[in-house]
């Protein structure tokens, strides 16, 4: 019935019906093609948008927050509110403690205001060398060792166990013994250099144990002059501690407490020297409050010499830096006194 109606439509226009029946292919396929096309167009349904089914009034605020844009969408206050909502309120019972803000209970100045310095400088070229006496006063080294931080103690113990694992207990004992011996020989060689104002002796230069250290510090020695003390004992008469200063001399025109250190690993910055700045500050304070010394010191210098002969690293401590480490030293001293 459908075909007949279709043919009737075509027969109303001249020439269309004859064209339709000229080729067998058209006779069989053309009606089907037209019917299929017509059926496809008629049966095509409108696509449904799933987003139209969402309750837009319910999620209006969410959509607005996503689609809107602000330059400063979050502030520290909003971030704190989110953290408080997600993780709960902050634990105010354990606030972070900053070491920089902590001050010693009994503060003593680094520079002694009551010490009079003679205007007449001694013409003697011999530096002071006071022997260290055994007393009940604790040494600077002892105080620092007994108040070492847990983190430093952990790394020191881990290094020790690693060395024992590699060398054995006897081997590690021999290794540390040689380190102390090299340090003593190096200090003795520097003392001979300053006393004679010449280079080290040929025996010292040829000594394999310290020849690298001596080569390492040559560029630093050129900037040192007017040596006032060598391997000399100092004690703080008010705070009651003592120590043995390596050297007191001028470095590039400024009077310094100089501490010579040996190392097999590079220490290019002051923080790599651990507690050495506190040690230097403690010596400076002791000299300034020791009646045996007719001068006061405001600067420090830590020289790290290397066994392989590479140039030593000199770490200069100006008066402000010395004052900072002086406060830290006073805190360590108080900690030691509380323990003992």
C-alpha atoms as a PDB file:
ATOM      1  CA  UNK A   1       0.000   0.000   0.000  1.00  0.00           C
ATOM      2  CA  UNK A   2       2.810   2.347   0.827  1.00  0.00           C
ATOM      3  CA  UNK A   3       4.546   1.560  -2.484  1.00  0.00           C
ATOM      4  CA  UNK A   4       1.431   2.302  -4.461  1.00  0.00           C
ATOM      5  CA  UNK A   5       0.947   5.690  -2.837  1.00  0.00           C
ATOM      6  CA  UNK A   6       4.571   6.495  -3.482  1.00  0.00           C
ATOM      7  CA  UNK A   7       4.241   5.582  -7.162  1.00  0.00           C
ATOM      8  CA  UNK A   8       1.126   7.693  -7.474  1.00  0.00           C
ATOM      9  CA  UNK A   9       3.034  10.688  -6.172  1.00  0.00           C
ATOM     10  CA  UNK A  10       5.776  10.143  -8.681  1.00  0.00           C
ATOM     11  CA  UNK A  11       3.361   9.662 -11.593  1.00  0.00           C
ATOM     12  CA  UNK A  12       1.866  13.124 -11.114  1.00  0.00           C
ATOM     13  CA  UNK A  13       5.061  14.638 -12.511  1.00  0.00           C
ATOM     14  CA  UNK A  14       5.904  13.752 -16.092  1.00  0.00           C
ATOM     15  CA  UNK A  15       9.011  11.712 -16.708  1.00  0.00           C
ATOM     16  CA  UNK A  16       9.584  10.634 -13.101  1.00  0.00           C
ATOM     17  CA  UNK A  17       7.856   7.280 -13.381  1.00  0.00           C
ATOM     18  CA  UNK A  18       9.699   6.278 -16.564  1.00  0.00           C
ATOM     19  CA  UNK A  19      13.051   7.106 -14.959  1.00  0.00           C
ATOM     20  CA  UNK A  20      12.181   4.981 -11.973  1.00  0.00           C
ATOM     21  CA  UNK A  21      11.555   1.829 -14.055  1.00  0.00           C
ATOM     22  CA  UNK A  22      14.440   2.197 -16.516  1.00  0.00           C
ATOM     23  CA  UNK A  23      17.088   0.378 -14.385  1.00  0.00           C
ATOM     24  CA  UNK A  24      16.456  -2.787 -12.385  1.00  0.00           C
ATOM     25  CA  UNK A  25      18.619  -1.440  -9.497  1.00  0.00           C
ATOM     26  CA  UNK A  26      16.421   1.584  -9.116  1.00  0.00           C
ATOM     27  CA  UNK A  27      13.379  -0.594  -9.431  1.00  0.00           C
ATOM     28  CA  UNK A  28      14.441  -2.689  -6.419  1.00  0.00           C
ATOM     29  CA  UNK A  29      16.477  -0.356  -4.229  1.00  0.00           C
ATOM     30  CA  UNK A  30      15.251   3.207  -4.650  1.00  0.00           C
ATOM     31  CA  UNK A  31      11.919   2.739  -2.848  1.00  0.00           C
ATOM     32  CA  UNK A  32      13.717   0.978   0.025  1.00  0.00           C
ATOM     33  CA  UNK A  33      16.270   3.756   0.283  1.00  0.00           C
ATOM     34  CA  UNK A  34      13.612   6.409   0.407  1.00  0.00           C
ATOM     35  CA  UNK A  35      11.578   4.476   2.955  1.00  0.00           C
ATOM     36  CA  UNK A  36      14.644   3.859   5.112  1.00  0.00           C
ATOM     37  CA  UNK A  37      15.627   7.505   5.023  1.00  0.00           C
ATOM     38  CA  UNK A  38      12.112   8.557   5.812  1.00  0.00           C
ATOM     39  CA  UNK A  39      11.883   6.050   8.658  1.00  0.00           C
ATOM     40  CA  UNK A  40      15.205   7.219  10.107  1.00  0.00           C
ATOM     41  CA  UNK A  41      14.132  10.817  10.157  1.00  0.00           C
ATOM     42  CA  UNK A  42      10.805  10.007  11.662  1.00  0.00           C
ATOM     43  CA  UNK A  43      12.156   7.678  14.355  1.00  0.00           C
ATOM     44  CA  UNK A  44      15.003   9.945  15.545  1.00  0.00           C
ATOM     45  CA  UNK A  45      14.423  10.939  19.179  1.00  0.00           C
ATOM     46  CA  UNK A  46      15.554  14.091  20.882  1.00  0.00           C
ATOM     47  CA  UNK A  47      18.641  13.640  23.085  1.00  0.00           C
ATOM     48  CA  UNK A  48      18.011  14.241  26.755  1.00  0.00           C
ATOM     49  CA  UNK A  49      20.523  16.477  28.624  1.00  0.00           C
ATOM     50  CA  UNK A  50      21.242  14.873  32.004  1.00  0.00           C
ATOM     51  CA  UNK A  51      22.272  18.210  33.503  1.00  0.00           C
ATOM     52  CA  UNK A  52      18.740  19.511  33.038  1.00  0.00           C
ATOM     53  CA  UNK A  53      17.534  16.942  35.557  1.00  0.00           C
ATOM     54  CA  UNK A  54      19.817  18.321  38.330  1.00  0.00           C
ATOM     55  CA  UNK A  55      18.131  20.323  41.065  1.00  0.00           C
ATOM     56  CA  UNK A  56      19.841  23.611  40.213  1.00  0.00           C
ATOM     57  CA  UNK A  57      18.257  25.481  43.098  1.00  0.00           C
ATOM     58  CA  UNK A  58      19.708  22.969  45.560  1.00  0.00           C
ATOM     59  CA  UNK A  59      23.245  23.210  44.170  1.00  0.00           C
ATOM     60  CA  UNK A  60      23.113  26.892  43.239  1.00  0.00           C
ATOM     61  CA  UNK A  61      25.814  27.914  45.753  1.00  0.00           C
ATOM     62  CA  UNK A  62      28.133  25.147  44.625  1.00  0.00           C
ATOM     63  CA  UNK A  63      27.754  26.050  40.970  1.00  0.00           C
ATOM     64  CA  UNK A  64      28.332  29.712  41.756  1.00  0.00           C
ATOM     65  CA  UNK A  65      31.519  29.002  43.728  1.00  0.00           C
ATOM     66  CA  UNK A  66      32.910  26.882  40.882  1.00  0.00           C
ATOM     67  CA  UNK A  67      32.006  29.200  38.028  1.00  0.00           C
ATOM     68  CA  UNK A  68      32.784  32.495  39.761  1.00  0.00           C
ATOM     69  CA  UNK A  69      36.386  33.731  40.067  1.00  0.00           C
ATOM     70  CA  UNK A  70      38.030  36.009  42.583  1.00  0.00           C
ATOM     71  CA  UNK A  71      41.621  37.194  42.638  1.00  0.00           C
ATOM     72  CA  UNK A  72      42.122  36.363  46.316  1.00  0.00           C
ATOM     73  CA  UNK A  73      39.911  33.323  46.703  1.00  0.00           C
ATOM     74  CA  UNK A  74      41.695  32.182  49.873  1.00  0.00           C
ATOM     75  CA  UNK A  75      43.254  34.084  52.713  1.00  0.00           C
ATOM     76  CA  UNK A  76      45.196  32.863  55.776  1.00  0.00           C
ATOM     77  CA  UNK A  77      41.979  33.155  57.768  1.00  0.00           C
ATOM     78  CA  UNK A  78      39.968  30.953  55.379  1.00  0.00           C
ATOM     79  CA  UNK A  79      42.769  28.388  55.258  1.00  0.00           C
ATOM     80  CA  UNK A  80      42.826  28.209  59.071  1.00  0.00           C
ATOM     81  CA  UNK A  81      39.041  27.740  59.073  1.00  0.00           C
ATOM     82  CA  UNK A  82      39.323  24.875  56.583  1.00  0.00           C
ATOM     83  CA  UNK A  83      42.100  23.234  58.608  1.00  0.00           C
ATOM     84  CA  UNK A  84      40.073  23.638  61.774  1.00  0.00           C
ATOM     85  CA  UNK A  85      37.057  22.024  60.072  1.00  0.00           C
ATOM     86  CA  UNK A  86      39.041  19.127  58.594  1.00  0.00           C
ATOM     87  CA  UNK A  87      41.600  18.377  61.333  1.00  0.00           C
ATOM     88  CA  UNK A  88      40.169  19.989  64.444  1.00  0.00           C
ATOM     89  CA  UNK A  89      41.534  22.840  66.582  1.00  0.00           C
ATOM     90  CA  UNK A  90      45.270  23.347  67.082  1.00  0.00           C
ATOM     91  CA  UNK A  91      46.952  21.728  70.070  1.00  0.00           C
ATOM     92  CA  UNK A  92      47.850  24.763  72.127  1.00  0.00           C
ATOM     93  CA  UNK A  93      49.427  22.727  74.903  1.00  0.00           C
ATOM     94  CA  UNK A  94      52.619  22.196  72.902  1.00  0.00           C
ATOM     95  CA  UNK A  95      53.496  25.449  71.146  1.00  0.00           C
ATOM     96  CA  UNK A  96      56.669  25.462  69.034  1.00  0.00           C
ATOM     97  CA  UNK A  97      59.658  26.762  70.983  1.00  0.00           C
ATOM     98  CA  UNK A  98      62.131  28.932  69.138  1.00  0.00           C
ATOM     99  CA  UNK A  99      65.650  28.759  70.516  1.00  0.00           C
ATOM    100  CA  UNK A 100      66.397  32.267  69.251  1.00  0.00           C
ATOM    101  CA  UNK A 101      63.821  33.826  71.574  1.00  0.00           C
ATOM    102  CA  UNK A 102      65.054  32.008  74.684  1.00  0.00           C
ATOM    103  CA  UNK A 103      67.294  34.099  76.905  1.00  0.00           C
ATOM    104  CA  UNK A 104      69.636  32.978  79.691  1.00  0.00           C
ATOM    105  CA  UNK A 105      68.401  33.446  83.249  1.00  0.00           C
ATOM    106  CA  UNK A 106      71.546  35.217  84.430  1.00  0.00           C
ATOM    107  CA  UNK A 107      72.995  37.220  81.584  1.00  0.00           C
ATOM    108  CA  UNK A 108      76.646  38.295  81.679  1.00  0.00           C
ATOM    109  CA  UNK A 109      77.957  40.603  78.926  1.00  0.00           C
ATOM    110  CA  UNK A 110      80.491  39.336  76.431  1.00  0.00           C
ATOM    111  CA  UNK A 111      82.575  42.500  76.850  1.00  0.00           C
ATOM    112  CA  UNK A 112      83.727  43.268  80.371  1.00  0.00           C
ATOM    113  CA  UNK A 113      82.724  46.888  81.163  1.00  0.00           C
ATOM    114  CA  UNK A 114      84.943  46.938  84.276  1.00  0.00           C
ATOM    115  CA  UNK A 115      88.139  45.837  82.580  1.00  0.00           C
ATOM    116  CA  UNK A 116      90.709  48.533  82.038  1.00  0.00           C
ATOM    117  CA  UNK A 117      92.978  48.181  79.063  1.00  0.00           C
ATOM    118  CA  UNK A 118      96.454  49.611  79.178  1.00  0.00           C
ATOM    119  CA  UNK A 119      97.121  52.242  76.538  1.00  0.00           C
ATOM    120  CA  UNK A 120     100.764  51.192  76.396  1.00  0.00           C
ATOM    121  CA  UNK A 121     101.139  48.123  74.227  1.00  0.00           C
ATOM    122  CA  UNK A 122     103.868  45.703  75.136  1.00  0.00           C
ATOM    123  CA  UNK A 123     106.831  45.690  72.811  1.00  0.00           C
ATOM    124  CA  UNK A 124     107.493  42.013  73.474  1.00  0.00           C
ATOM    125  CA  UNK A 125     107.059  39.839  70.430  1.00  0.00           C
ATOM    126  CA  UNK A 126     106.465  36.737  72.553  1.00  0.00           C
ATOM    127  CA  UNK A 127     102.791  35.745  72.796  1.00  0.00           C
ATOM    128  CA  UNK A 128     101.259  34.853  76.139  1.00  0.00           C
ATOM    129  CA  UNK A 129     101.285  31.160  77.013  1.00  0.00           C
ATOM    130  CA  UNK A 130      99.626  30.372  80.351  1.00  0.00           C
ATOM    131  CA  UNK A 131      99.614  26.726  81.412  1.00  0.00           C
ATOM    132  CA  UNK A 132      96.273  25.083  82.104  1.00  0.00           C
ATOM    133  CA  UNK A 133      95.850  24.253  85.792  1.00  0.00           C
ATOM    134  CA  UNK A 134      93.673  21.452  87.094  1.00  0.00           C
ATOM    135  CA  UNK A 135      90.810  22.912  89.074  1.00  0.00           C
ATOM    136  CA  UNK A 136      87.196  22.082  89.889  1.00  0.00           C
ATOM    137  CA  UNK A 137      86.032  24.425  87.123  1.00  0.00           C
ATOM    138  CA  UNK A 138      84.543  22.621  84.120  1.00  0.00           C
ATOM    139  CA  UNK A 139      86.179  23.148  80.749  1.00  0.00           C
ATOM    140  CA  UNK A 140      84.409  24.559  77.713  1.00  0.00           C
ATOM    141  CA  UNK A 141      84.874  21.234  75.905  1.00  0.00           C
ATOM    142  CA  UNK A 142      83.333  19.266  78.786  1.00  0.00           C
ATOM    143  CA  UNK A 143      80.315  21.590  79.015  1.00  0.00           C
ATOM    144  CA  UNK A 144      79.586  21.338  75.285  1.00  0.00           C
ATOM    145  CA  UNK A 145      79.987  17.550  75.272  1.00  0.00           C
ATOM    146  CA  UNK A 146      77.545  17.058  78.135  1.00  0.00           C
ATOM    147  CA  UNK A 147      74.909  19.407  76.703  1.00  0.00           C
ATOM    148  CA  UNK A 148      74.978  18.189  73.127  1.00  0.00           C
ATOM    149  CA  UNK A 149      71.573  18.147  71.414  1.00  0.00           C
ATOM    150  CA  UNK A 150      69.814  14.771  70.901  1.00  0.00           C
ATOM    151  CA  UNK A 151      70.043  15.220  67.130  1.00  0.00           C
ATOM    152  CA  UNK A 152      73.807  15.787  67.207  1.00  0.00           C
ATOM    153  CA  UNK A 153      74.222  12.903  69.649  1.00  0.00           C
ATOM    154  CA  UNK A 154      72.292  10.638  67.272  1.00  0.00           C
ATOM    155  CA  UNK A 155      74.438  11.510  64.246  1.00  0.00           C
ATOM    156  CA  UNK A 156      77.639  11.236  66.271  1.00  0.00           C
ATOM    157  CA  UNK A 157      76.687   7.808  67.575  1.00  0.00           C
ATOM    158  CA  UNK A 158      75.639   6.647  64.097  1.00  0.00           C
ATOM    159  CA  UNK A 159      79.013   7.765  62.687  1.00  0.00           C
ATOM    160  CA  UNK A 160      80.793   5.987  65.524  1.00  0.00           C
ATOM    161  CA  UNK A 161      78.939   2.717  64.948  1.00  0.00           C
ATOM    162  CA  UNK A 162      79.575   2.942  61.206  1.00  0.00           C
ATOM    163  CA  UNK A 163      83.300   3.390  61.780  1.00  0.00           C
ATOM    164  CA  UNK A 164      83.386   0.503  64.275  1.00  0.00           C
ATOM    165  CA  UNK A 165      81.618  -1.678  61.728  1.00  0.00           C
ATOM    166  CA  UNK A 166      84.261  -0.836  59.120  1.00  0.00           C
ATOM    167  CA  UNK A 167      87.376  -0.780  61.312  1.00  0.00           C
ATOM    168  CA  UNK A 168      86.437  -2.836  64.346  1.00  0.00           C
ATOM    169  CA  UNK A 169      86.676  -1.562  67.947  1.00  0.00           C
ATOM    170  CA  UNK A 170      90.482  -1.696  68.045  1.00  0.00           C
ATOM    171  CA  UNK A 171      90.763  -0.109  64.626  1.00  0.00           C
ATOM    172  CA  UNK A 172      88.391   2.710  65.599  1.00  0.00           C
ATOM    173  CA  UNK A 173      90.361   3.345  68.800  1.00  0.00           C
ATOM    174  CA  UNK A 174      93.557   3.571  66.737  1.00  0.00           C
ATOM    175  CA  UNK A 175      91.836   5.893  64.237  1.00  0.00           C
ATOM    176  CA  UNK A 176      90.691   8.354  66.925  1.00  0.00           C
ATOM    177  CA  UNK A 177      94.104   8.219  68.575  1.00  0.00           C
ATOM    178  CA  UNK A 178      95.763   9.177  65.290  1.00  0.00           C
ATOM    179  CA  UNK A 179      93.279  12.033  64.803  1.00  0.00           C
ATOM    180  CA  UNK A 180      94.186  13.541  68.182  1.00  0.00           C
ATOM    181  CA  UNK A 181      97.881  13.056  67.456  1.00  0.00           C
ATOM    182  CA  UNK A 182      97.586  14.798  64.088  1.00  0.00           C
ATOM    183  CA  UNK A 183      95.770  17.683  65.762  1.00  0.00           C
ATOM    184  CA  UNK A 184      98.492  18.078  68.380  1.00  0.00           C
ATOM    185  CA  UNK A 185     101.243  17.952  65.759  1.00  0.00           C
ATOM    186  CA  UNK A 186      99.405  20.480  63.584  1.00  0.00           C
ATOM    187  CA  UNK A 187      98.979  22.919  66.504  1.00  0.00           C
ATOM    188  CA  UNK A 188     102.628  22.482  67.467  1.00  0.00           C
ATOM    189  CA  UNK A 189     103.715  23.230  63.885  1.00  0.00           C
ATOM    190  CA  UNK A 190     101.580  26.401  63.795  1.00  0.00           C
ATOM    191  CA  UNK A 191     103.039  27.494  67.124  1.00  0.00           C
ATOM    192  CA  UNK A 192     106.567  27.155  65.759  1.00  0.00           C
ATOM    193  CA  UNK A 193     105.507  29.200  62.707  1.00  0.00           C
ATOM    194  CA  UNK A 194     104.158  32.075  64.832  1.00  0.00           C
ATOM    195  CA  UNK A 195     107.049  32.072  67.298  1.00  0.00           C
ATOM    196  CA  UNK A 196     109.747  32.166  64.655  1.00  0.00           C
ATOM    197  CA  UNK A 197     107.662  34.194  62.153  1.00  0.00           C
ATOM    198  CA  UNK A 198     108.928  31.829  59.496  1.00  0.00           C
ATOM    199  CA  UNK A 199     107.665  28.815  57.658  1.00  0.00           C
ATOM    200  CA  UNK A 200     107.503  25.481  59.464  1.00  0.00           C
ATOM    201  CA  UNK A 201     110.671  23.479  59.751  1.00  0.00           C
ATOM    202  CA  UNK A 202     111.629  21.030  57.031  1.00  0.00           C
ATOM    203  CA  UNK A 203     110.829  18.103  59.333  1.00  0.00           C
ATOM    204  CA  UNK A 204     107.305  19.418  59.905  1.00  0.00           C
ATOM    205  CA  UNK A 205     106.758  20.143  56.225  1.00  0.00           C
ATOM    206  CA  UNK A 206     107.872  16.619  55.320  1.00  0.00           C
ATOM    207  CA  UNK A 207     105.745  14.955  58.011  1.00  0.00           C
ATOM    208  CA  UNK A 208     103.066  13.104  56.044  1.00  0.00           C
ATOM    209  CA  UNK A 209     100.612  13.336  58.963  1.00  0.00           C
ATOM    210  CA  UNK A 210     100.448  17.163  58.919  1.00  0.00           C
ATOM    211  CA  UNK A 211     102.034  18.320  55.659  1.00  0.00           C
ATOM    212  CA  UNK A 212      98.619  18.522  53.981  1.00  0.00           C
ATOM    213  CA  UNK A 213      97.175  20.611  56.839  1.00  0.00           C
ATOM    214  CA  UNK A 214     100.099  23.050  56.697  1.00  0.00           C
ATOM    215  CA  UNK A 215      99.709  23.466  52.945  1.00  0.00           C
ATOM    216  CA  UNK A 216      95.989  23.994  53.451  1.00  0.00           C
ATOM    217  CA  UNK A 217      96.362  27.037  55.748  1.00  0.00           C
ATOM    218  CA  UNK A 218      99.115  28.917  53.917  1.00  0.00           C
ATOM    219  CA  UNK A 219      96.725  31.474  52.379  1.00  0.00           C
ATOM    220  CA  UNK A 220      95.177  32.138  55.815  1.00  0.00           C
ATOM    221  CA  UNK A 221      98.535  32.629  57.561  1.00  0.00           C
ATOM    222  CA  UNK A 222      99.277  35.550  55.248  1.00  0.00           C
ATOM    223  CA  UNK A 223      96.361  37.491  56.795  1.00  0.00           C
ATOM    224  CA  UNK A 224      97.369  36.862  60.439  1.00  0.00           C
ATOM    225  CA  UNK A 225      99.553  39.294  62.403  1.00  0.00           C
ATOM    226  CA  UNK A 226     100.332  40.506  65.952  1.00  0.00           C
ATOM    227  CA  UNK A 227      99.907  37.192  67.746  1.00  0.00           C
ATOM    228  CA  UNK A 228      99.070  37.867  71.420  1.00  0.00           C
ATOM    229  CA  UNK A 229      98.460  34.355  72.811  1.00  0.00           C
ATOM    230  CA  UNK A 230      99.241  30.765  71.813  1.00  0.00           C
ATOM    231  CA  UNK A 231      97.894  27.607  73.481  1.00  0.00           C
ATOM    232  CA  UNK A 232      97.077  29.690  76.542  1.00  0.00           C
ATOM    233  CA  UNK A 233      94.670  28.939  79.400  1.00  0.00           C
ATOM    234  CA  UNK A 234      91.734  31.283  80.018  1.00  0.00           C
ATOM    235  CA  UNK A 235      89.049  31.317  82.682  1.00  0.00           C
ATOM    236  CA  UNK A 236      85.870  33.272  83.245  1.00  0.00           C
ATOM    237  CA  UNK A 237      86.128  34.567  86.787  1.00  0.00           C
ATOM    238  CA  UNK A 238      82.383  35.292  87.078  1.00  0.00           C
ATOM    239  CA  UNK A 239      80.867  32.253  85.362  1.00  0.00           C
ATOM    240  CA  UNK A 240      83.554  29.844  86.617  1.00  0.00           C
ATOM    241  CA  UNK A 241      84.638  27.886  83.567  1.00  0.00           C
ATOM    242  CA  UNK A 242      87.980  27.560  81.789  1.00  0.00           C
ATOM    243  CA  UNK A 243      89.515  26.571  78.479  1.00  0.00           C
ATOM    244  CA  UNK A 244      92.647  26.480  76.344  1.00  0.00           C
ATOM    245  CA  UNK A 245      92.751  29.011  73.517  1.00  0.00           C
ATOM    246  CA  UNK A 246      94.558  28.012  70.314  1.00  0.00           C
ATOM    247  CA  UNK A 247      95.523  31.505  69.246  1.00  0.00           C
ATOM    248  CA  UNK A 248      94.696  35.190  69.747  1.00  0.00           C
ATOM    249  CA  UNK A 249      95.901  37.382  66.886  1.00  0.00           C
ATOM    250  CA  UNK A 250      94.779  39.914  64.320  1.00  0.00           C
ATOM    251  CA  UNK A 251      93.094  38.583  61.218  1.00  0.00           C
ATOM    252  CA  UNK A 252      92.931  41.215  58.485  1.00  0.00           C
ATOM    253  CA  UNK A 253      93.415  43.918  61.091  1.00  0.00           C
ATOM    254  CA  UNK A 254      90.829  42.709  63.666  1.00  0.00           C
ATOM    255  CA  UNK A 255      91.777  41.003  66.918  1.00  0.00           C
ATOM    256  CA  UNK A 256      90.265  37.507  67.015  1.00  0.00           C
ATOM    257  CA  UNK A 257      90.189  34.321  69.007  1.00  0.00           C
ATOM    258  CA  UNK A 258      91.367  31.827  66.381  1.00  0.00           C
ATOM    259  CA  UNK A 259      90.437  28.161  66.568  1.00  0.00           C
ATOM    260  CA  UNK A 260      92.294  25.746  64.288  1.00  0.00           C
ATOM    261  CA  UNK A 261      90.325  22.682  63.190  1.00  0.00           C
ATOM    262  CA  UNK A 262      91.334  19.704  61.053  1.00  0.00           C
ATOM    263  CA  UNK A 263      88.942  17.834  58.802  1.00  0.00           C
ATOM    264  CA  UNK A 264      88.918  15.189  56.110  1.00  0.00           C
ATOM    265  CA  UNK A 265      85.627  16.490  54.709  1.00  0.00           C
ATOM    266  CA  UNK A 266      84.968  20.022  53.415  1.00  0.00           C
ATOM    267  CA  UNK A 267      83.187  22.468  55.743  1.00  0.00           C
ATOM    268  CA  UNK A 268      82.499  25.494  53.544  1.00  0.00           C
ATOM    269  CA  UNK A 269      80.015  27.237  55.868  1.00  0.00           C
ATOM    270  CA  UNK A 270      79.954  28.113  59.561  1.00  0.00           C
ATOM    271  CA  UNK A 271      76.987  25.824  60.255  1.00  0.00           C
ATOM    272  CA  UNK A 272      79.145  22.850  59.205  1.00  0.00           C
ATOM    273  CA  UNK A 273      81.368  23.441  62.252  1.00  0.00           C
ATOM    274  CA  UNK A 274      78.585  22.438  64.700  1.00  0.00           C
ATOM    275  CA  UNK A 275      79.425  23.729  68.232  1.00  0.00           C
ATOM    276  CA  UNK A 276      82.757  25.353  67.339  1.00  0.00           C
ATOM    277  CA  UNK A 277      81.251  28.896  67.199  1.00  0.00           C
ATOM    278  CA  UNK A 278      79.956  28.439  70.763  1.00  0.00           C
ATOM    279  CA  UNK A 279      83.436  27.351  71.825  1.00  0.00           C
ATOM    280  CA  UNK A 280      84.999  30.453  70.278  1.00  0.00           C
ATOM    281  CA  UNK A 281      82.394  32.722  71.923  1.00  0.00           C
ATOM    282  CA  UNK A 282      83.084  31.058  75.287  1.00  0.00           C
ATOM    283  CA  UNK A 283      86.831  31.716  74.899  1.00  0.00           C
ATOM    284  CA  UNK A 284      86.198  35.349  73.947  1.00  0.00           C
ATOM    285  CA  UNK A 285      84.081  35.893  77.052  1.00  0.00           C
ATOM    286  CA  UNK A 286      86.671  34.170  79.237  1.00  0.00           C
ATOM    287  CA  UNK A 287      89.538  36.331  77.927  1.00  0.00           C
ATOM    288  CA  UNK A 288      87.509  39.496  78.453  1.00  0.00           C
ATOM    289  CA  UNK A 289      86.847  38.527  82.099  1.00  0.00           C
ATOM    290  CA  UNK A 290      90.307  37.116  82.840  1.00  0.00           C
ATOM    291  CA  UNK A 291      92.624  39.493  84.697  1.00  0.00           C
ATOM    292  CA  UNK A 292      95.692  37.835  83.129  1.00  0.00           C
ATOM    293  CA  UNK A 293      94.923  39.429  79.772  1.00  0.00           C
ATOM    294  CA  UNK A 294      95.246  43.172  79.349  1.00  0.00           C
ATOM    295  CA  UNK A 295      93.079  43.281  76.211  1.00  0.00           C
ATOM    296  CA  UNK A 296      89.572  42.398  75.107  1.00  0.00           C
ATOM    297  CA  UNK A 297      88.416  40.546  72.003  1.00  0.00           C
ATOM    298  CA  UNK A 298      85.223  41.084  70.000  1.00  0.00           C
ATOM    299  CA  UNK A 299      85.724  38.809  66.949  1.00  0.00           C
ATOM    300  CA  UNK A 300      86.379  35.151  66.256  1.00  0.00           C
ATOM    301  CA  UNK A 301      87.831  33.006  63.483  1.00  0.00           C
ATOM    302  CA  UNK A 302      87.448  29.285  62.836  1.00  0.00           C
ATOM    303  CA  UNK A 303      89.936  27.875  60.323  1.00  0.00           C
ATOM    304  CA  UNK A 304      89.174  24.406  58.932  1.00  0.00           C
ATOM    305  CA  UNK A 305      92.309  22.802  57.465  1.00  0.00           C
ATOM    306  CA  UNK A 306      92.186  19.761  55.182  1.00  0.00           C
ATOM    307  CA  UNK A 307      94.426  16.737  55.146  1.00  0.00           C
ATOM    308  CA  UNK A 308      94.586  16.603  51.342  1.00  0.00           C
ATOM    309  CA  UNK A 309      96.067  20.110  51.221  1.00  0.00           C
ATOM    310  CA  UNK A 310      93.069  21.835  49.626  1.00  0.00           C
ATOM    311  CA  UNK A 311      92.668  25.503  50.695  1.00  0.00           C
ATOM    312  CA  UNK A 312      91.341  25.855  54.227  1.00  0.00           C
ATOM    313  CA  UNK A 313      88.008  27.520  54.912  1.00  0.00           C
ATOM    314  CA  UNK A 314      88.290  30.526  57.264  1.00  0.00           C
ATOM    315  CA  UNK A 315      84.984  31.396  58.968  1.00  0.00           C
ATOM    316  CA  UNK A 316      85.072  34.918  60.391  1.00  0.00           C
ATOM    317  CA  UNK A 317      82.723  35.842  63.250  1.00  0.00           C
ATOM    318  CA  UNK A 318      82.003  39.568  63.568  1.00  0.00           C
ATOM    319  CA  UNK A 319      80.946  41.161  66.912  1.00  0.00           C
ATOM    320  CA  UNK A 320      77.211  40.718  66.222  1.00  0.00           C
ATOM    321  CA  UNK A 321      77.638  37.039  65.379  1.00  0.00           C
ATOM    322  CA  UNK A 322      79.844  36.515  68.448  1.00  0.00           C
ATOM    323  CA  UNK A 323      77.127  38.071  70.635  1.00  0.00           C
ATOM    324  CA  UNK A 324      74.522  35.679  69.206  1.00  0.00           C
ATOM    325  CA  UNK A 325      76.665  32.658  69.929  1.00  0.00           C
ATOM    326  CA  UNK A 326      77.544  34.056  73.355  1.00  0.00           C
ATOM    327  CA  UNK A 327      73.852  33.929  74.319  1.00  0.00           C
ATOM    328  CA  UNK A 328      73.634  30.349  73.068  1.00  0.00           C
ATOM    329  CA  UNK A 329      76.733  29.473  75.071  1.00  0.00           C
ATOM    330  CA  UNK A 330      75.183  30.925  78.238  1.00  0.00           C
ATOM    331  CA  UNK A 331      72.137  28.701  77.717  1.00  0.00           C
ATOM    332  CA  UNK A 332      74.348  25.620  77.350  1.00  0.00           C
ATOM    333  CA  UNK A 333      76.288  26.639  80.458  1.00  0.00           C
ATOM    334  CA  UNK A 334      73.047  26.971  82.444  1.00  0.00           C
ATOM    335  CA  UNK A 335      71.933  23.558  81.195  1.00  0.00           C
ATOM    336  CA  UNK A 336      75.213  22.035  82.373  1.00  0.00           C
ATOM    337  CA  UNK A 337      74.950  23.700  85.780  1.00  0.00           C
ATOM    338  CA  UNK A 338      71.383  22.414  86.208  1.00  0.00           C
ATOM    339  CA  UNK A 339      72.500  18.858  85.416  1.00  0.00           C
ATOM    340  CA  UNK A 340      75.459  18.999  87.780  1.00  0.00           C
END
